[in-house]
PDB file of all heavy atoms in Angstrom:
ATOM      1  N   GLY A   1      -4.688  -1.368  -9.310  1.00  0.00           N
ATOM      2  CA  GLY A   1      -4.337  -0.081  -8.677  1.00  0.00           C
ATOM      3  C   GLY A   1      -4.042  -0.231  -7.243  1.00  0.00           C
ATOM      4  O   GLY A   1      -4.561  -1.237  -6.617  1.00  0.00           O
ATOM      5  N   LEU A   2      -3.295   0.638  -6.668  1.00  0.00           N
ATOM      6  CA  LEU A   2      -2.938   0.609  -5.234  1.00  0.00           C
ATOM      7  C   LEU A   2      -3.621   1.838  -4.578  1.00  0.00           C
ATOM      8  O   LEU A   2      -3.606   3.018  -5.120  1.00  0.00           O
ATOM      9  CB  LEU A   2      -1.489   0.733  -4.971  1.00  0.00           C
ATOM     10  CG  LEU A   2      -0.657  -0.426  -5.413  1.00  0.00           C
ATOM     11  CD1 LEU A   2       0.823  -0.138  -5.170  1.00  0.00           C
ATOM     12  CD2 LEU A   2      -1.072  -1.749  -4.675  1.00  0.00           C
ATOM     13  N   LEU A   3      -4.252   1.639  -3.459  1.00  0.00           N
ATOM     14  CA  LEU A   3      -4.824   2.777  -2.664  1.00  0.00           C
ATOM     15  C   LEU A   3      -3.719   3.298  -1.832  1.00  0.00           C
ATOM     16  O   LEU A   3      -3.177   2.585  -1.013  1.00  0.00           O
ATOM     17  CB  LEU A   3      -6.005   2.292  -1.896  1.00  0.00           C
ATOM     18  CG  LEU A   3      -6.719   3.362  -1.092  1.00  0.00           C
ATOM     19  CD1 LEU A   3      -7.297   4.417  -2.054  1.00  0.00           C
ATOM     20  CD2 LEU A   3      -7.896   2.845  -0.275  1.00  0.00           C
ATOM     21  N   LEU A   4      -3.239   4.520  -2.089  1.00  0.00           N
ATOM     22  CA  LEU A   4      -2.151   5.095  -1.410  1.00  0.00           C
ATOM     23  C   LEU A   4      -2.539   6.124  -0.295  1.00  0.00           C
ATOM     24  O   LEU A   4      -3.724   6.261   0.004  1.00  0.00           O
ATOM     25  CB  LEU A   4      -1.197   5.757  -2.387  1.00  0.00           C
ATOM     26  CG  LEU A   4      -0.763   4.855  -3.538  1.00  0.00           C
ATOM     27  CD1 LEU A   4       0.005   5.622  -4.591  1.00  0.00           C
ATOM     28  CD2 LEU A   4       0.173   3.692  -2.968  1.00  0.00           C
ATOM     29  N   GLY A   5      -1.590   6.804   0.293  1.00  0.00           N
ATOM     30  CA  GLY A   5      -1.933   7.746   1.393  1.00  0.00           C
ATOM     31  C   GLY A   5      -2.174   7.051   2.755  1.00  0.00           C
ATOM     32  O   GLY A   5      -1.514   6.064   2.952  1.00  0.00           O
ATOM     33  N   ALA A   6      -3.062   7.587   3.450  1.00  0.00           N
ATOM     34  CA  ALA A   6      -3.291   7.100   4.813  1.00  0.00           C
ATOM     35  C   ALA A   6      -3.608   5.618   4.929  1.00  0.00           C
ATOM     36  O   ALA A   6      -3.095   4.844   5.749  1.00  0.00           O
ATOM     37  CB  ALA A   6      -4.334   7.914   5.491  1.00  0.00           C
ATOM     38  N   PRO A   7      -4.494   4.990   3.981  1.00  0.00           N
ATOM     39  CA  PRO A   7      -4.794   3.606   4.058  1.00  0.00           C
ATOM     40  C   PRO A   7      -3.580   2.656   3.902  1.00  0.00           C
ATOM     41  O   PRO A   7      -3.599   1.565   4.416  1.00  0.00           O
ATOM     42  CB  PRO A   7      -5.762   3.336   3.030  1.00  0.00           C
ATOM     43  CG  PRO A   7      -6.380   4.667   2.665  1.00  0.00           C
ATOM     44  CD  PRO A   7      -5.262   5.732   2.920  1.00  0.00           C
ATOM     45  N   SER A   8      -2.516   3.192   3.241  1.00  0.00           N
ATOM     46  CA  SER A   8      -1.341   2.319   2.920  1.00  0.00           C
ATOM     47  C   SER A   8      -0.117   2.819   3.787  1.00  0.00           C
ATOM     48  O   SER A   8       0.967   2.743   3.409  1.00  0.00           O
ATOM     49  CB  SER A   8      -0.983   2.418   1.533  1.00  0.00           C
ATOM     50  OG  SER A   8      -0.661   3.675   1.168  1.00  0.00           O
ATOM     51  N   LYS A   9      -0.435   3.262   5.080  1.00  0.00           N
ATOM     52  CA  LYS A   9       0.609   3.726   5.963  1.00  0.00           C
ATOM     53  C   LYS A   9       1.380   4.810   5.339  1.00  0.00           C
ATOM     54  O   LYS A   9       2.577   4.877   5.420  1.00  0.00           O
ATOM     55  CB  LYS A   9       1.447   2.560   6.413  1.00  0.00           C
ATOM     56  CG  LYS A   9       0.641   1.406   7.068  1.00  0.00           C
ATOM     57  CD  LYS A   9       1.604   0.212   7.421  1.00  0.00           C
ATOM     58  CE  LYS A   9       0.714  -0.928   7.727  1.00  0.00           C
ATOM     59  NZ  LYS A   9       0.893  -2.082   6.807  1.00  0.00           N
ATOM     60  N   TRP A  10       0.639   5.788   4.705  1.00  0.00           N
ATOM     61  CA  TRP A  10       1.291   6.901   4.160  1.00  0.00           C
ATOM     62  C   TRP A  10       2.316   6.674   3.001  1.00  0.00           C
ATOM     63  O   TRP A  10       3.231   7.378   2.839  1.00  0.00           O
ATOM     64  CB  TRP A  10       1.895   7.796   5.152  1.00  0.00           C
ATOM     65  CG  TRP A  10       0.751   8.412   6.085  1.00  0.00           C
ATOM     66  CD1 TRP A  10       0.447   8.005   7.303  1.00  0.00           C
ATOM     67  CD2 TRP A  10      -0.200   9.394   5.691  1.00  0.00           C
ATOM     68  NE1 TRP A  10      -0.592   8.709   7.799  1.00  0.00           N
ATOM     69  CE2 TRP A  10      -1.082   9.576   6.752  1.00  0.00           C
ATOM     70  CE3 TRP A  10      -0.471  10.092   4.484  1.00  0.00           C
ATOM     71  CZ2 TRP A  10      -2.064  10.373   6.814  1.00  0.00           C
ATOM     72  CZ3 TRP A  10      -1.532  11.014   4.548  1.00  0.00           C
ATOM     73  CH2 TRP A  10      -2.291  11.118   5.633  1.00  0.00           C
ATOM     74  N   THR A  11       1.954   5.665   2.210  1.00  0.00           N
ATOM     75  CA  THR A  11       2.838   5.413   1.035  1.00  0.00           C
ATOM     76  C   THR A  11       2.424   6.389  -0.055  1.00  0.00           C
ATOM     77  O   THR A  11       1.176   6.564  -0.249  1.00  0.00           O
ATOM     78  CB  THR A  11       2.735   3.993   0.516  1.00  0.00           C
ATOM     79  OG1 THR A  11       3.155   3.066   1.579  1.00  0.00           O
ATOM     80  CG2 THR A  11       3.532   3.680  -0.678  1.00  0.00           C
ATOM     81  N   ILE A  12       3.326   7.028  -0.727  1.00  0.00           N
ATOM     82  CA  ILE A  12       3.049   7.879  -1.914  1.00  0.00           C
ATOM     83  C   ILE A  12       3.809   7.354  -3.091  1.00  0.00           C
ATOM     84  O   ILE A  12       4.774   6.592  -3.003  1.00  0.00           O
ATOM     85  CB  ILE A  12       3.426   9.333  -1.586  1.00  0.00           C
ATOM     86  CG1 ILE A  12       4.900   9.411  -1.303  1.00  0.00           C
ATOM     87  CG2 ILE A  12       2.614   9.878  -0.485  1.00  0.00           C
ATOM     88  CD1 ILE A  12       5.409  10.854  -1.313  1.00  0.00           C
ATOM     89  N   ASP A  13       3.378   7.773  -4.231  1.00  0.00           N
ATOM     90  CA  ASP A  13       3.888   7.315  -5.635  1.00  0.00           C
ATOM     91  C   ASP A  13       4.435   8.537  -6.344  1.00  0.00           C
ATOM     92  O   ASP A  13       3.711   9.450  -6.637  1.00  0.00           O
ATOM     93  CB  ASP A  13       2.811   6.663  -6.325  1.00  0.00           C
ATOM     94  CG  ASP A  13       3.217   6.328  -7.735  1.00  0.00           C
ATOM     95  OD1 ASP A  13       4.370   6.324  -8.109  1.00  0.00           O
ATOM     96  OD2 ASP A  13       2.343   5.923  -8.606  1.00  0.00           O
ATOM     97  N   PHE A  14       5.727   8.475  -6.658  1.00  0.00           N
ATOM     98  CA  PHE A  14       6.294   9.483  -7.556  1.00  0.00           C
ATOM     99  C   PHE A  14       6.188   8.878  -8.881  1.00  0.00           C
ATOM    100  O   PHE A  14       6.778   7.849  -9.206  1.00  0.00           O
ATOM    101  CB  PHE A  14       7.777   9.665  -7.212  1.00  0.00           C
ATOM    102  CG  PHE A  14       8.066  10.567  -6.025  1.00  0.00           C
ATOM    103  CD1 PHE A  14       7.104  10.850  -5.088  1.00  0.00           C
ATOM    104  CD2 PHE A  14       9.314  11.223  -5.912  1.00  0.00           C
ATOM    105  CE1 PHE A  14       7.427  11.595  -3.926  1.00  0.00           C
ATOM    106  CE2 PHE A  14       9.592  11.936  -4.818  1.00  0.00           C
ATOM    107  CZ  PHE A  14       8.667  12.197  -3.805  1.00  0.00           C
ATOM    108  N   ASP A  15       5.301   9.506  -9.736  1.00  0.00           N
ATOM    109  CA  ASP A  15       5.058   9.066 -11.087  1.00  0.00           C
ATOM    110  C   ASP A  15       5.977   9.816 -12.033  1.00  0.00           C
ATOM    111  O   ASP A  15       5.752  10.927 -12.274  1.00  0.00           O
ATOM    112  CB  ASP A  15       3.568   9.264 -11.423  1.00  0.00           C
ATOM    113  CG  ASP A  15       3.173   8.752 -12.804  1.00  0.00           C
ATOM    114  OD1 ASP A  15       4.076   8.229 -13.505  1.00  0.00           O
ATOM    115  OD2 ASP A  15       1.972   8.748 -13.028  1.00  0.00           O
ATOM    116  N   LEU A  16       7.003   9.099 -12.551  1.00  0.00           N
ATOM    117  CA  LEU A  16       8.024   9.789 -13.427  1.00  0.00           C
ATOM    118  C   LEU A  16       7.576   9.467 -14.879  1.00  0.00           C
ATOM    119  O   LEU A  16       7.683   8.386 -15.301  1.00  0.00           O
ATOM    120  CB  LEU A  16       9.289   9.161 -13.047  1.00  0.00           C
ATOM    121  CG  LEU A  16       9.816   9.111 -11.658  1.00  0.00           C
ATOM    122  CD1 LEU A  16      11.044   8.414 -11.359  1.00  0.00           C
ATOM    123  CD2 LEU A  16       9.845  10.598 -11.115  1.00  0.00           C
ATOM    124  N   ASP A  17       7.194  10.561 -15.561  1.00  0.00           N
ATOM    125  CA  ASP A  17       6.657  10.402 -16.887  1.00  0.00           C
ATOM    126  C   ASP A  17       7.576  10.497 -18.081  1.00  0.00           C
ATOM    127  O   ASP A  17       7.258  10.261 -19.175  1.00  0.00           O
ATOM    128  CB  ASP A  17       5.512  11.394 -17.131  1.00  0.00           C
ATOM    129  CG  ASP A  17       4.271  10.990 -16.291  1.00  0.00           C
ATOM    130  OD1 ASP A  17       4.007   9.842 -16.075  1.00  0.00           O
ATOM    131  OD2 ASP A  17       3.624  12.012 -15.883  1.00  0.00           O
ATOM    132  N   SER A  18       8.855  10.869 -17.821  1.00  0.00           N
ATOM    133  CA  SER A  18       9.744  11.087 -18.859  1.00  0.00           C
ATOM    134  C   SER A  18      11.049  10.346 -18.573  1.00  0.00           C
ATOM    135  O   SER A  18      11.361  10.003 -17.485  1.00  0.00           O
ATOM    136  CB  SER A  18      10.105  12.624 -19.163  1.00  0.00           C
ATOM    137  OG  SER A  18      10.875  13.073 -18.072  1.00  0.00           O
ATOM    138  N   ALA A  19      11.765  10.038 -19.701  1.00  0.00           N
ATOM    139  CA  ALA A  19      13.063   9.286 -19.609  1.00  0.00           C
ATOM    140  C   ALA A  19      13.990  10.171 -18.654  1.00  0.00           C
ATOM    141  O   ALA A  19      14.747   9.529 -17.972  1.00  0.00           O
ATOM    142  CB  ALA A  19      13.663   9.012 -20.951  1.00  0.00           C
ATOM    143  N   GLU A  20      13.947  11.396 -18.910  1.00  0.00           N
ATOM    144  CA  GLU A  20      14.888  12.294 -18.079  1.00  0.00           C
ATOM    145  C   GLU A  20      14.591  12.262 -16.577  1.00  0.00           C
ATOM    146  O   GLU A  20      15.501  12.179 -15.733  1.00  0.00           O
ATOM    147  CB  GLU A  20      14.768  13.835 -18.542  1.00  0.00           C
ATOM    148  CG  GLU A  20      15.148  14.037 -19.966  1.00  0.00           C
ATOM    149  CD  GLU A  20      14.113  13.701 -21.046  1.00  0.00           C
ATOM    150  OE1 GLU A  20      12.994  13.331 -20.649  1.00  0.00           O
ATOM    151  OE2 GLU A  20      14.529  13.780 -22.166  1.00  0.00           O
ATOM    152  N   THR A  21      13.358  12.252 -16.233  1.00  0.00           N
ATOM    153  CA  THR A  21      13.064  12.164 -14.752  1.00  0.00           C
ATOM    154  C   THR A  21      13.396  10.716 -14.248  1.00  0.00           C
ATOM    155  O   THR A  21      13.768  10.726 -13.084  1.00  0.00           O
ATOM    156  CB  THR A  21      11.507  12.403 -14.436  1.00  0.00           C
ATOM    157  OG1 THR A  21      10.708  11.577 -15.220  1.00  0.00           O
ATOM    158  CG2 THR A  21      11.210  13.930 -14.771  1.00  0.00           C
ATOM    159  N   ILE A  22      13.258   9.744 -15.044  1.00  0.00           N
ATOM    160  CA  ILE A  22      13.628   8.419 -14.506  1.00  0.00           C
ATOM    161  C   ILE A  22      15.156   8.324 -14.348  1.00  0.00           C
ATOM    162  O   ILE A  22      15.626   7.877 -13.316  1.00  0.00           O
ATOM    163  CB  ILE A  22      13.053   7.418 -15.501  1.00  0.00           C
ATOM    164  CG1 ILE A  22      11.589   7.235 -15.525  1.00  0.00           C
ATOM    165  CG2 ILE A  22      13.708   5.936 -15.119  1.00  0.00           C
ATOM    166  CD1 ILE A  22      10.986   6.423 -16.618  1.00  0.00           C
ATOM    167  N   GLU A  23      15.828   8.851 -15.265  1.00  0.00           N
ATOM    168  CA  GLU A  23      17.345   8.893 -15.257  1.00  0.00           C
ATOM    169  C   GLU A  23      17.879   9.661 -14.078  1.00  0.00           C
ATOM    170  O   GLU A  23      18.880   9.208 -13.461  1.00  0.00           O
ATOM    171  CB  GLU A  23      17.937   9.443 -16.575  1.00  0.00           C
ATOM    172  CG  GLU A  23      17.975   8.467 -17.669  1.00  0.00           C
ATOM    173  CD  GLU A  23      18.558   9.058 -18.936  1.00  0.00           C
ATOM    174  OE1 GLU A  23      19.545   9.866 -18.773  1.00  0.00           O
ATOM    175  OE2 GLU A  23      18.097   8.824 -19.977  1.00  0.00           O
ATOM    176  N   THR A  24      17.304  10.763 -13.681  1.00  0.00           N
ATOM    177  CA  THR A  24      17.820  11.687 -12.666  1.00  0.00           C
ATOM    178  C   THR A  24      17.253  11.407 -11.255  1.00  0.00           C
ATOM    179  O   THR A  24      17.727  12.054 -10.364  1.00  0.00           O
ATOM    180  CB  THR A  24      17.669  13.163 -13.068  1.00  0.00           C
ATOM    181  OG1 THR A  24      16.300  13.379 -13.304  1.00  0.00           O
ATOM    182  CG2 THR A  24      18.452  13.496 -14.287  1.00  0.00           C
ATOM    183  N   ALA A  25      16.228  10.626 -11.175  1.00  0.00           N
ATOM    184  CA  ALA A  25      15.558  10.364  -9.904  1.00  0.00           C
ATOM    185  C   ALA A  25      16.466   9.954  -8.828  1.00  0.00           C
ATOM    186  O   ALA A  25      16.505  10.412  -7.712  1.00  0.00           O
ATOM    187  CB  ALA A  25      14.420   9.405 -10.057  1.00  0.00           C
ATOM    188  N   GLY A  26      17.499   9.092  -9.181  1.00  0.00           N
ATOM    189  CA  GLY A  26      18.479   8.617  -8.288  1.00  0.00           C
ATOM    190  C   GLY A  26      19.392   9.688  -7.690  1.00  0.00           C
ATOM    191  O   GLY A  26      19.946   9.465  -6.570  1.00  0.00           O
ATOM    192  N   ILE A  27      19.506  10.826  -8.397  1.00  0.00           N
ATOM    193  CA  ILE A  27      20.278  11.940  -7.858  1.00  0.00           C
ATOM    194  C   ILE A  27      19.547  12.622  -6.751  1.00  0.00           C
ATOM    195  O   ILE A  27      20.157  13.076  -5.776  1.00  0.00           O
ATOM    196  CB  ILE A  27      20.633  12.931  -9.038  1.00  0.00           C
ATOM    197  CG1 ILE A  27      21.481  12.199 -10.070  1.00  0.00           C
ATOM    198  CG2 ILE A  27      21.312  14.134  -8.488  1.00  0.00           C
ATOM    199  CD1 ILE A  27      21.613  12.964 -11.389  1.00  0.00           C
ATOM    200  N   PHE A  28      18.236  12.794  -6.939  1.00  0.00           N
ATOM    201  CA  PHE A  28      17.449  13.644  -5.972  1.00  0.00           C
ATOM    202  C   PHE A  28      16.749  12.852  -4.910  1.00  0.00           C
ATOM    203  O   PHE A  28      16.369  13.312  -3.813  1.00  0.00           O
ATOM    204  CB  PHE A  28      16.449  14.392  -6.771  1.00  0.00           C
ATOM    205  CG  PHE A  28      17.102  15.338  -7.757  1.00  0.00           C
ATOM    206  CD1 PHE A  28      17.059  15.047  -9.094  1.00  0.00           C
ATOM    207  CD2 PHE A  28      17.629  16.516  -7.267  1.00  0.00           C
ATOM    208  CE1 PHE A  28      17.665  15.904 -10.036  1.00  0.00           C
ATOM    209  CE2 PHE A  28      18.190  17.468  -8.163  1.00  0.00           C
ATOM    210  CZ  PHE A  28      18.240  17.140  -9.551  1.00  0.00           C
ATOM    211  N   PHE A  29      16.461  11.544  -5.100  1.00  0.00           N
ATOM    212  CA  PHE A  29      15.609  10.777  -4.139  1.00  0.00           C
ATOM    213  C   PHE A  29      16.393   9.623  -3.679  1.00  0.00           C
ATOM    214  O   PHE A  29      17.215   8.947  -4.405  1.00  0.00           O
ATOM    215  CB  PHE A  29      14.375  10.319  -4.841  1.00  0.00           C
ATOM    216  CG  PHE A  29      13.600  11.395  -5.466  1.00  0.00           C
ATOM    217  CD1 PHE A  29      13.243  11.393  -6.875  1.00  0.00           C
ATOM    218  CD2 PHE A  29      13.123  12.476  -4.777  1.00  0.00           C
ATOM    219  CE1 PHE A  29      12.517  12.377  -7.412  1.00  0.00           C
ATOM    220  CE2 PHE A  29      12.349  13.474  -5.382  1.00  0.00           C
ATOM    221  CZ  PHE A  29      12.116  13.479  -6.666  1.00  0.00           C
ATOM    222  N   PRO A  30      16.214   9.194  -2.434  1.00  0.00           N
ATOM    223  CA  PRO A  30      16.809   8.018  -1.861  1.00  0.00           C
ATOM    224  C   PRO A  30      16.333   6.757  -2.575  1.00  0.00           C
ATOM    225  O   PRO A  30      15.251   6.738  -3.239  1.00  0.00           O
ATOM    226  CB  PRO A  30      16.480   7.938  -0.448  1.00  0.00           C
ATOM    227  CG  PRO A  30      15.353   8.911  -0.231  1.00  0.00           C
ATOM    228  CD  PRO A  30      15.345   9.819  -1.382  1.00  0.00           C
ATOM    229  N   GLU A  31      17.169   5.699  -2.555  1.00  0.00           N
ATOM    230  CA  GLU A  31      16.819   4.376  -3.197  1.00  0.00           C
ATOM    231  C   GLU A  31      15.568   3.851  -2.520  1.00  0.00           C
ATOM    232  O   GLU A  31      15.368   3.991  -1.337  1.00  0.00           O
ATOM    233  CB  GLU A  31      17.962   3.419  -2.963  1.00  0.00           C
ATOM    234  CG  GLU A  31      17.738   2.055  -3.606  1.00  0.00           C
ATOM    235  CD  GLU A  31      17.804   2.109  -5.184  1.00  0.00           C
ATOM    236  OE1 GLU A  31      18.410   3.026  -5.684  1.00  0.00           O
ATOM    237  OE2 GLU A  31      17.236   1.265  -5.820  1.00  0.00           O
ATOM    238  N   THR A  32      14.644   3.288  -3.383  1.00  0.00           N
ATOM    239  CA  THR A  32      13.356   2.833  -2.896  1.00  0.00           C
ATOM    240  C   THR A  32      12.809   1.745  -3.898  1.00  0.00           C
ATOM    241  O   THR A  32      13.448   1.524  -4.966  1.00  0.00           O
ATOM    242  CB  THR A  32      12.393   3.925  -2.688  1.00  0.00           C
ATOM    243  OG1 THR A  32      11.166   3.378  -2.095  1.00  0.00           O
ATOM    244  CG2 THR A  32      11.852   4.512  -4.064  1.00  0.00           C
ATOM    245  N   PHE A  33      11.728   1.138  -3.622  1.00  0.00           N
ATOM    246  CA  PHE A  33      11.117   0.258  -4.439  1.00  0.00           C
ATOM    247  C   PHE A  33      10.437   0.934  -5.595  1.00  0.00           C
ATOM    248  O   PHE A  33       9.819   1.983  -5.466  1.00  0.00           O
ATOM    249  CB  PHE A  33       9.988  -0.579  -3.675  1.00  0.00           C
ATOM    250  CG  PHE A  33       9.246  -1.541  -4.596  1.00  0.00           C
ATOM    251  CD1 PHE A  33       9.771  -2.705  -4.969  1.00  0.00           C
ATOM    252  CD2 PHE A  33       7.949  -1.174  -5.052  1.00  0.00           C
ATOM    253  CE1 PHE A  33       9.075  -3.567  -5.796  1.00  0.00           C
ATOM    254  CE2 PHE A  33       7.235  -1.991  -5.930  1.00  0.00           C
ATOM    255  CZ  PHE A  33       7.778  -3.189  -6.299  1.00  0.00           C
ATOM    256  N   GLY A  34      10.624   0.387  -6.796  1.00  0.00           N
ATOM    257  CA  GLY A  34      10.092   1.008  -7.985  1.00  0.00           C
ATOM    258  C   GLY A  34       9.364  -0.047  -8.902  1.00  0.00           C
ATOM    259  O   GLY A  34       9.657  -1.236  -8.815  1.00  0.00           O
ATOM    260  N   PHE A  35       8.381   0.392  -9.649  1.00  0.00           N
ATOM    261  CA  PHE A  35       7.701  -0.479 -10.496  1.00  0.00           C
ATOM    262  C   PHE A  35       7.196   0.294 -11.750  1.00  0.00           C
ATOM    263  O   PHE A  35       7.346   1.543 -11.849  1.00  0.00           O
ATOM    264  CB  PHE A  35       6.574  -1.223  -9.877  1.00  0.00           C
ATOM    265  CG  PHE A  35       5.445  -0.251  -9.505  1.00  0.00           C
ATOM    266  CD1 PHE A  35       4.380  -0.070 -10.335  1.00  0.00           C
ATOM    267  CD2 PHE A  35       5.491   0.417  -8.287  1.00  0.00           C
ATOM    268  CE1 PHE A  35       3.296   0.772  -9.979  1.00  0.00           C
ATOM    269  CE2 PHE A  35       4.385   1.282  -7.898  1.00  0.00           C
ATOM    270  CZ  PHE A  35       3.383   1.504  -8.869  1.00  0.00           C
TER     271      PHE A  35
END
């Protein structure tokens, strides 16, 4: 697990739970690291 928020210099995680959200994320959010 990763400790997010203030300890990680304000890194947050968008958790995309469905195929539809994964497919459309690039339309709404800028390119970033994903895993």
